[in-house]
Amino acid sequence: KEIKPKDFISFTTNSFATIELKEIFNGISPFSK
């Protein structure tokens, strides 16, 4: 079903981004936050 976006976002975090970057750069996160 179609819904309006809400002004509160909680489905993803900085830690997800760090894990993603480590996978791309083989265990190293070369960029903070």
PDB file of all heavy atoms in Angstrom:
ATOM      1  N   LYS A   1       0.856  -1.178   0.000  1.00  0.00           N
ATOM      2  CA  LYS A   1       0.000   0.000   0.000  1.00  0.00           C
ATOM      3  C   LYS A   1       0.894   1.230   0.000  1.00  0.00           C
ATOM      4  O   LYS A   1       2.074   1.162   0.353  1.00  0.00           O
ATOM      5  CB  LYS A   1      -0.913   0.009   1.223  1.00  0.00           C
ATOM      6  CG  LYS A   1      -0.186   0.067   2.545  1.00  0.00           C
ATOM      7  CD  LYS A   1      -1.176   0.071   3.698  1.00  0.00           C
ATOM      8  CE  LYS A   1      -0.453   0.096   5.045  1.00  0.00           C
ATOM      9  NZ  LYS A   1      -1.395   0.115   6.181  1.00  0.00           N
ATOM     10  N   GLU A   2       0.344   2.366  -0.422  1.00  0.00           N
ATOM     11  CA  GLU A   2       1.114   3.597  -0.484  1.00  0.00           C
ATOM     12  C   GLU A   2       0.841   4.436   0.759  1.00  0.00           C
ATOM     13  O   GLU A   2      -0.304   4.609   1.171  1.00  0.00           O
ATOM     14  CB  GLU A   2       0.769   4.383  -1.746  1.00  0.00           C
ATOM     15  CG  GLU A   2       1.233   3.685  -3.017  1.00  0.00           C
ATOM     16  CD  GLU A   2       1.064   4.554  -4.251  1.00  0.00           C
ATOM     17  OE1 GLU A   2       0.375   5.590  -4.147  1.00  0.00           O
ATOM     18  OE2 GLU A   2       1.625   4.213  -5.300  1.00  0.00           O
ATOM     19  N   ILE A   3       1.914   4.938   1.372  1.00  0.00           N
ATOM     20  CA  ILE A   3       1.789   5.756   2.568  1.00  0.00           C
ATOM     21  C   ILE A   3       2.649   7.004   2.423  1.00  0.00           C
ATOM     22  O   ILE A   3       3.619   7.020   1.670  1.00  0.00           O
ATOM     23  CB  ILE A   3       2.217   4.995   3.839  1.00  0.00           C
ATOM     24  CG1 ILE A   3       3.683   4.538   3.718  1.00  0.00           C
ATOM     25  CG2 ILE A   3       1.310   3.809   4.091  1.00  0.00           C
ATOM     26  CD1 ILE A   3       4.250   3.963   4.984  1.00  0.00           C
ATOM     27  N   LYS A   4       2.303   8.050   3.154  1.00  0.00           N
ATOM     28  CA  LYS A   4       3.124   9.262   3.165  1.00  0.00           C
ATOM     29  C   LYS A   4       4.377   9.020   4.001  1.00  0.00           C
ATOM     30  O   LYS A   4       4.319   8.376   5.043  1.00  0.00           O
ATOM     31  CB  LYS A   4       2.339  10.427   3.766  1.00  0.00           C
ATOM     32  CG  LYS A   4       1.405  11.133   2.812  1.00  0.00           C
ATOM     33  CD  LYS A   4       0.834  12.369   3.467  1.00  0.00           C
ATOM     34  CE  LYS A   4      -0.043  13.145   2.473  1.00  0.00           C
ATOM     35  NZ  LYS A   4      -0.589  14.370   3.104  1.00  0.00           N
ATOM     36  N   PRO A   5       5.528   9.556   3.565  1.00  0.00           N
ATOM     37  CA  PRO A   5       6.718   9.483   4.415  1.00  0.00           C
ATOM     38  C   PRO A   5       6.477  10.240   5.718  1.00  0.00           C
ATOM     39  O   PRO A   5       5.709  11.202   5.755  1.00  0.00           O
ATOM     40  CB  PRO A   5       7.805  10.169   3.577  1.00  0.00           C
ATOM     41  CG  PRO A   5       7.267  10.210   2.184  1.00  0.00           C
ATOM     42  CD  PRO A   5       5.781  10.251   2.296  1.00  0.00           C
ATOM     43  N   LYS A   6       7.128   9.809   6.776  1.00  0.00           N
ATOM     44  CA  LYS A   6       7.017  10.484   8.066  1.00  0.00           C
ATOM     45  C   LYS A   6       8.294  11.274   8.350  1.00  0.00           C
ATOM     46  O   LYS A   6       9.331  11.041   7.744  1.00  0.00           O
ATOM     47  CB  LYS A   6       6.752   9.465   9.169  1.00  0.00           C
ATOM     48  CG  LYS A   6       5.394   8.761   9.040  1.00  0.00           C
ATOM     49  CD  LYS A   6       5.173   7.781  10.167  1.00  0.00           C
ATOM     50  CE  LYS A   6       3.756   7.207  10.123  1.00  0.00           C
ATOM     51  NZ  LYS A   6       3.451   6.504   8.891  1.00  0.00           N
ATOM     52  N   ASP A   7       8.191  12.215   9.287  1.00  0.00           N
ATOM     53  CA  ASP A   7       9.336  13.082   9.578  1.00  0.00           C
ATOM     54  C   ASP A   7      10.271  12.483  10.624  1.00  0.00           C
ATOM     55  O   ASP A   7      11.115  13.190  11.180  1.00  0.00           O
ATOM     56  CB  ASP A   7       8.861  14.469  10.023  1.00  0.00           C
ATOM     57  CG  ASP A   7       8.018  14.432  11.290  1.00  0.00           C
ATOM     58  OD1 ASP A   7       7.841  13.346  11.866  1.00  0.00           O
ATOM     59  OD2 ASP A   7       7.523  15.508  11.708  1.00  0.00           O
ATOM     60  N   PHE A   8      10.151  11.194  10.889  1.00  0.00           N
ATOM     61  CA  PHE A   8      10.980  10.510  11.875  1.00  0.00           C
ATOM     62  C   PHE A   8      11.589   9.286  11.210  1.00  0.00           C
ATOM     63  O   PHE A   8      10.862   8.407  10.730  1.00  0.00           O
ATOM     64  CB  PHE A   8      10.112  10.106  13.077  1.00  0.00           C
ATOM     65  CG  PHE A   8      10.897   9.598  14.256  1.00  0.00           C
ATOM     66  CD1 PHE A   8      11.466  10.475  15.156  1.00  0.00           C
ATOM     67  CD2 PHE A   8      11.063   8.234  14.471  1.00  0.00           C
ATOM     68  CE1 PHE A   8      12.180  10.011  16.254  1.00  0.00           C
ATOM     69  CE2 PHE A   8      11.771   7.764  15.550  1.00  0.00           C
ATOM     70  CZ  PHE A   8      12.331   8.659  16.449  1.00  0.00           C
ATOM     71  N   ILE A   9      12.910   9.232  11.150  1.00  0.00           N
ATOM     72  CA  ILE A   9      13.608   8.158  10.441  1.00  0.00           C
ATOM     73  C   ILE A   9      14.409   7.343  11.448  1.00  0.00           C
ATOM     74  O   ILE A   9      15.312   7.868  12.103  1.00  0.00           O
ATOM     75  CB  ILE A   9      14.545   8.734   9.359  1.00  0.00           C
ATOM     76  CG1 ILE A   9      13.744   9.590   8.372  1.00  0.00           C
ATOM     77  CG2 ILE A   9      15.284   7.610   8.629  1.00  0.00           C
ATOM     78  CD1 ILE A   9      14.621  10.363   7.390  1.00  0.00           C
ATOM     79  N   SER A  10      14.097   6.067  11.565  1.00  0.00           N
ATOM     80  CA  SER A  10      14.757   5.239  12.578  1.00  0.00           C
ATOM     81  C   SER A  10      15.158   3.860  12.057  1.00  0.00           C
ATOM     82  O   SER A  10      15.549   3.001  12.831  1.00  0.00           O
ATOM     83  CB  SER A  10      13.841   5.071  13.800  1.00  0.00           C
ATOM     84  OG  SER A  10      12.615   4.455  13.437  1.00  0.00           O
ATOM     85  N   PHE A  11      15.058   3.657  10.733  1.00  0.00           N
ATOM     86  CA  PHE A  11      15.305   2.317  10.201  1.00  0.00           C
ATOM     87  C   PHE A  11      16.775   2.047   9.884  1.00  0.00           C
ATOM     88  O   PHE A  11      17.147   0.929   9.547  1.00  0.00           O
ATOM     89  CB  PHE A  11      14.461   2.071   8.942  1.00  0.00           C
ATOM     90  CG  PHE A  11      14.808   2.965   7.777  1.00  0.00           C
ATOM     91  CD1 PHE A  11      15.858   2.649   6.918  1.00  0.00           C
ATOM     92  CD2 PHE A  11      14.088   4.122   7.552  1.00  0.00           C
ATOM     93  CE1 PHE A  11      16.184   3.468   5.854  1.00  0.00           C
ATOM     94  CE2 PHE A  11      14.404   4.952   6.486  1.00  0.00           C
ATOM     95  CZ  PHE A  11      15.461   4.618   5.636  1.00  0.00           C
ATOM     96  N   THR A  12      17.612   3.074   9.976  1.00  0.00           N
ATOM     97  CA  THR A  12      19.031   2.885   9.656  1.00  0.00           C
ATOM     98  C   THR A  12      19.866   3.813  10.524  1.00  0.00           C
ATOM     99  O   THR A  12      19.379   4.842  11.000  1.00  0.00           O
ATOM    100  CB  THR A  12      19.302   3.158   8.167  1.00  0.00           C
ATOM    101  OG1 THR A  12      20.641   2.773   7.857  1.00  0.00           O
ATOM    102  CG2 THR A  12      19.078   4.625   7.804  1.00  0.00           C
ATOM    103  N   THR A  13      21.137   3.455  10.733  1.00  0.00           N
ATOM    104  CA  THR A  13      21.979   4.186  11.669  1.00  0.00           C
ATOM    105  C   THR A  13      23.379   4.395  11.088  1.00  0.00           C
ATOM    106  O   THR A  13      23.735   3.827  10.055  1.00  0.00           O
ATOM    107  CB  THR A  13      22.118   3.410  12.990  1.00  0.00           C
ATOM    108  OG1 THR A  13      22.815   2.177  12.740  1.00  0.00           O
ATOM    109  CG2 THR A  13      20.751   3.109  13.593  1.00  0.00           C
ATOM    110  N   ASN A  14      24.179   5.172  11.821  1.00  0.00           N
ATOM    111  CA  ASN A  14      25.577   5.366  11.435  1.00  0.00           C
ATOM    112  C   ASN A  14      26.356   4.056  11.456  1.00  0.00           C
ATOM    113  O   ASN A  14      27.260   3.843  10.640  1.00  0.00           O
ATOM    114  CB  ASN A  14      26.257   6.353  12.384  1.00  0.00           C
ATOM    115  CG  ASN A  14      26.251   7.770  11.844  1.00  0.00           C
ATOM    116  OD1 ASN A  14      26.026   8.704  12.580  1.00  0.00           O
ATOM    117  ND2 ASN A  14      26.486   7.946  10.545  1.00  0.00           N
ATOM    118  N   SER A  15      26.019   3.172  12.391  1.00  0.00           N
ATOM    119  CA  SER A  15      26.750   1.912  12.489  1.00  0.00           C
ATOM    120  C   SER A  15      26.548   1.070  11.231  1.00  0.00           C
ATOM    121  O   SER A  15      27.469   0.379  10.776  1.00  0.00           O
ATOM    122  CB  SER A  15      26.311   1.123  13.726  1.00  0.00           C
ATOM    123  OG  SER A  15      24.931   0.821  13.688  1.00  0.00           O
ATOM    124  N   PHE A  16      25.352   1.147  10.634  1.00  0.00           N
ATOM    125  CA  PHE A  16      25.111   0.444   9.375  1.00  0.00           C
ATOM    126  C   PHE A  16      26.043   0.977   8.294  1.00  0.00           C
ATOM    127  O   PHE A  16      26.618   0.218   7.507  1.00  0.00           O
ATOM    128  CB  PHE A  16      23.652   0.612   8.944  1.00  0.00           C
ATOM    129  CG  PHE A  16      23.336   0.015   7.601  1.00  0.00           C
ATOM    130  CD1 PHE A  16      22.943  -1.310   7.483  1.00  0.00           C
ATOM    131  CD2 PHE A  16      23.441   0.776   6.435  1.00  0.00           C
ATOM    132  CE1 PHE A  16      22.665  -1.862   6.245  1.00  0.00           C
ATOM    133  CE2 PHE A  16      23.163   0.228   5.192  1.00  0.00           C
ATOM    134  CZ  PHE A  16      22.773  -1.100   5.101  1.00  0.00           C
ATOM    135  N   ALA A  17      26.193   2.311   8.269  1.00  0.00           N
ATOM    136  CA  ALA A  17      27.055   2.928   7.259  1.00  0.00           C
ATOM    137  C   ALA A  17      28.508   2.517   7.453  1.00  0.00           C
ATOM    138  O   ALA A  17      29.235   2.272   6.479  1.00  0.00           O
ATOM    139  CB  ALA A  17      26.926   4.449   7.333  1.00  0.00           C
ATOM    140  N   THR A  18      28.950   2.434   8.711  1.00  0.00           N
ATOM    141  CA  THR A  18      30.329   2.035   8.986  1.00  0.00           C
ATOM    142  C   THR A  18      30.583   0.597   8.559  1.00  0.00           C
ATOM    143  O   THR A  18      31.614   0.281   7.959  1.00  0.00           O
ATOM    144  CB  THR A  18      30.632   2.199  10.490  1.00  0.00           C
ATOM    145  OG1 THR A  18      30.442   3.570  10.855  1.00  0.00           O
ATOM    146  CG2 THR A  18      32.058   1.793  10.805  1.00  0.00           C
ATOM    147  N   ILE A  19      29.632  -0.294   8.849  1.00  0.00           N
ATOM    148  CA  ILE A  19      29.758  -1.696   8.429  1.00  0.00           C
ATOM    149  C   ILE A  19      29.841  -1.787   6.906  1.00  0.00           C
ATOM    150  O   ILE A  19      30.659  -2.521   6.345  1.00  0.00           O
ATOM    151  CB  ILE A  19      28.563  -2.517   8.960  1.00  0.00           C
ATOM    152  CG1 ILE A  19      28.645  -2.629  10.485  1.00  0.00           C
ATOM    153  CG2 ILE A  19      28.531  -3.906   8.317  1.00  0.00           C
ATOM    154  CD1 ILE A  19      27.394  -3.204  11.123  1.00  0.00           C
ATOM    155  N   GLU A  20      28.998  -1.011   6.238  1.00  0.00           N
ATOM    156  CA  GLU A  20      28.965  -1.004   4.773  1.00  0.00           C
ATOM    157  C   GLU A  20      30.310  -0.548   4.214  1.00  0.00           C
ATOM    158  O   GLU A  20      30.856  -1.163   3.282  1.00  0.00           O
ATOM    159  CB  GLU A  20      27.843  -0.076   4.304  1.00  0.00           C
ATOM    160  CG  GLU A  20      27.637  -0.020   2.810  1.00  0.00           C
ATOM    161  CD  GLU A  20      26.456   0.860   2.439  1.00  0.00           C
ATOM    162  OE1 GLU A  20      26.349   1.989   2.993  1.00  0.00           O
ATOM    163  OE2 GLU A  20      25.633   0.438   1.616  1.00  0.00           O
ATOM    164  N   LEU A  21      30.864   0.498   4.782  1.00  0.00           N
ATOM    165  CA  LEU A  21      32.134   1.024   4.294  1.00  0.00           C
ATOM    166  C   LEU A  21      33.287   0.053   4.558  1.00  0.00           C
ATOM    167  O   LEU A  21      34.192  -0.097   3.735  1.00  0.00           O
ATOM    168  CB  LEU A  21      32.415   2.378   4.956  1.00  0.00           C
ATOM    169  CG  LEU A  21      33.230   3.399   4.140  1.00  0.00           C
ATOM    170  CD1 LEU A  21      32.588   3.635   2.777  1.00  0.00           C
ATOM    171  CD2 LEU A  21      33.353   4.712   4.905  1.00  0.00           C
ATOM    172  N   LYS A  22      33.224  -0.632   5.697  1.00  0.00           N
ATOM    173  CA  LYS A  22      34.261  -1.627   6.004  1.00  0.00           C
ATOM    174  C   LYS A  22      34.216  -2.792   5.016  1.00  0.00           C
ATOM    175  O   LYS A  22      35.246  -3.351   4.646  1.00  0.00           O
ATOM    176  CB  LYS A  22      34.091  -2.143   7.430  1.00  0.00           C
ATOM    177  CG  LYS A  22      34.568  -1.167   8.502  1.00  0.00           C
ATOM    178  CD  LYS A  22      34.427  -1.774   9.898  1.00  0.00           C
ATOM    179  CE  LYS A  22      34.981  -0.844  10.962  1.00  0.00           C
ATOM    180  NZ  LYS A  22      34.839  -1.413  12.331  1.00  0.00           N
ATOM    181  N   GLU A  23      33.023  -3.175   4.572  1.00  0.00           N
ATOM    182  CA  GLU A  23      32.906  -4.243   3.576  1.00  0.00           C
ATOM    183  C   GLU A  23      33.506  -3.808   2.244  1.00  0.00           C
ATOM    184  O   GLU A  23      34.121  -4.606   1.532  1.00  0.00           O
ATOM    185  CB  GLU A  23      31.442  -4.621   3.391  1.00  0.00           C
ATOM    186  CG  GLU A  23      30.828  -5.350   4.583  1.00  0.00           C
ATOM    187  CD  GLU A  23      29.358  -5.653   4.374  1.00  0.00           C
ATOM    188  OE1 GLU A  23      28.755  -5.086   3.437  1.00  0.00           O
ATOM    189  OE2 GLU A  23      28.802  -6.453   5.148  1.00  0.00           O
ATOM    190  N   ILE A  24      33.340  -2.540   1.909  1.00  0.00           N
ATOM    191  CA  ILE A  24      33.871  -2.030   0.644  1.00  0.00           C
ATOM    192  C   ILE A  24      35.388  -1.890   0.701  1.00  0.00           C
ATOM    193  O   ILE A  24      36.091  -2.131  -0.284  1.00  0.00           O
ATOM    194  CB  ILE A  24      33.204  -0.685   0.293  1.00  0.00           C
ATOM    195  CG1 ILE A  24      31.705  -0.877   0.043  1.00  0.00           C
ATOM    196  CG2 ILE A  24      33.861  -0.044  -0.935  1.00  0.00           C
ATOM    197  CD1 ILE A  24      30.927   0.419  -0.109  1.00  0.00           C
ATOM    198  N   PHE A  25      35.912  -1.516   1.890  1.00  0.00           N
ATOM    199  CA  PHE A  25      37.351  -1.275   2.031  1.00  0.00           C
ATOM    200  C   PHE A  25      38.039  -2.346   2.893  1.00  0.00           C
ATOM    201  O   PHE A  25      39.021  -2.063   3.575  1.00  0.00           O
ATOM    202  CB  PHE A  25      37.589   0.121   2.616  1.00  0.00           C
ATOM    203  CG  PHE A  25      37.340   1.229   1.647  1.00  0.00           C
ATOM    204  CD1 PHE A  25      36.090   1.822   1.558  1.00  0.00           C
ATOM    205  CD2 PHE A  25      38.338   1.672   0.795  1.00  0.00           C
ATOM    206  CE1 PHE A  25      35.845   2.848   0.653  1.00  0.00           C
ATOM    207  CE2 PHE A  25      38.111   2.694  -0.112  1.00  0.00           C
ATOM    208  CZ  PHE A  25      36.856   3.289  -0.190  1.00  0.00           C
ATOM    209  N   ASN A  26      37.483  -3.560   2.872  1.00  0.00           N
ATOM    210  CA  ASN A  26      38.134  -4.730   3.500  1.00  0.00           C
ATOM    211  C   ASN A  26      38.506  -4.513   4.964  1.00  0.00           C
ATOM    212  O   ASN A  26      39.665  -4.606   5.363  1.00  0.00           O
ATOM    213  CB  ASN A  26      39.378  -5.148   2.708  1.00  0.00           C
ATOM    214  CG  ASN A  26      39.032  -5.759   1.361  1.00  0.00           C
ATOM    215  OD1 ASN A  26      37.885  -6.151   1.162  1.00  0.00           O
ATOM    216  ND2 ASN A  26      39.977  -5.820   0.460  1.00  0.00           N
ATOM    217  N   GLY A  27      37.486  -4.213   5.759  1.00  0.00           N
ATOM    218  CA  GLY A  27      37.677  -4.136   7.195  1.00  0.00           C
ATOM    219  C   GLY A  27      38.117  -2.795   7.712  1.00  0.00           C
ATOM    220  O   GLY A  27      38.236  -2.598   8.930  1.00  0.00           O
ATOM    221  N   ILE A  28      38.365  -1.846   6.834  1.00  0.00           N
ATOM    222  CA  ILE A  28      38.798  -0.507   7.243  1.00  0.00           C
ATOM    223  C   ILE A  28      37.688   0.490   6.928  1.00  0.00           C
ATOM    224  O   ILE A  28      37.084   0.449   5.850  1.00  0.00           O
ATOM    225  CB  ILE A  28      40.083  -0.089   6.501  1.00  0.00           C
ATOM    226  CG1 ILE A  28      41.212  -1.070   6.799  1.00  0.00           C
ATOM    227  CG2 ILE A  28      40.492   1.325   6.869  1.00  0.00           C
ATOM    228  CD1 ILE A  28      42.441  -0.841   5.952  1.00  0.00           C
ATOM    229  N   SER A  29      37.398   1.387   7.866  1.00  0.00           N
ATOM    230  CA  SER A  29      36.460   2.474   7.598  1.00  0.00           C
ATOM    231  C   SER A  29      37.253   3.761   7.447  1.00  0.00           C
ATOM    232  O   SER A  29      37.639   4.388   8.437  1.00  0.00           O
ATOM    233  CB  SER A  29      35.432   2.614   8.730  1.00  0.00           C
ATOM    234  OG  SER A  29      34.520   3.655   8.448  1.00  0.00           O
ATOM    235  N   PRO A  30      37.544   4.178   6.202  1.00  0.00           N
ATOM    236  CA  PRO A  30      38.451   5.314   5.979  1.00  0.00           C
ATOM    237  C   PRO A  30      37.791   6.675   6.139  1.00  0.00           C
ATOM    238  O   PRO A  30      38.408   7.691   5.823  1.00  0.00           O
ATOM    239  CB  PRO A  30      38.890   5.088   4.534  1.00  0.00           C
ATOM    240  CG  PRO A  30      37.710   4.442   3.891  1.00  0.00           C
ATOM    241  CD  PRO A  30      37.077   3.586   4.946  1.00  0.00           C
ATOM    242  N   PHE A  31      36.536   6.707   6.608  1.00  0.00           N
ATOM    243  CA  PHE A  31      35.812   7.973   6.703  1.00  0.00           C
ATOM    244  C   PHE A  31      34.974   7.948   7.969  1.00  0.00           C
ATOM    245  O   PHE A  31      34.249   6.987   8.220  1.00  0.00           O
ATOM    246  CB  PHE A  31      34.924   8.159   5.464  1.00  0.00           C
ATOM    247  CG  PHE A  31      34.302   9.518   5.351  1.00  0.00           C
ATOM    248  CD1 PHE A  31      35.007  10.580   4.807  1.00  0.00           C
ATOM    249  CD2 PHE A  31      32.997   9.740   5.788  1.00  0.00           C
ATOM    250  CE1 PHE A  31      34.431  11.837   4.697  1.00  0.00           C
ATOM    251  CE2 PHE A  31      32.418  10.993   5.678  1.00  0.00           C
ATOM    252  CZ  PHE A  31      33.140  12.043   5.136  1.00  0.00           C
ATOM    253  N   SER A  32      35.050   8.998   8.782  1.00  0.00           N
ATOM    254  CA  SER A  32      34.315   9.018  10.043  1.00  0.00           C
ATOM    255  C   SER A  32      32.871   9.465   9.825  1.00  0.00           C
ATOM    256  O   SER A  32      32.597  10.371   9.050  1.00  0.00           O
ATOM    257  CB  SER A  32      34.997   9.965  11.041  1.00  0.00           C
ATOM    258  OG  SER A  32      34.986  11.289  10.559  1.00  0.00           O
ATOM    259  N   LYS A  33      31.957   8.793  10.503  1.00  0.00           N
ATOM    260  CA  LYS A  33      30.524   9.106  10.481  1.00  0.00           C
ATOM    261  C   LYS A  33      29.953   9.205   9.062  1.00  0.00           C
ATOM    262  O   LYS A  33      29.340  10.221   8.687  1.00  0.00           O
ATOM    263  CB  LYS A  33      30.240  10.387  11.263  1.00  0.00           C
ATOM    264  CG  LYS A  33      30.588  10.282  12.742  1.00  0.00           C
ATOM    265  CD  LYS A  33      30.244  11.556  13.489  1.00  0.00           C
ATOM    266  CE  LYS A  33      30.601  11.428  14.966  1.00  0.00           C
ATOM    267  NZ  LYS A  33      30.305  12.671  15.731  1.00  0.00           N
TER     268      LYS A  33
END
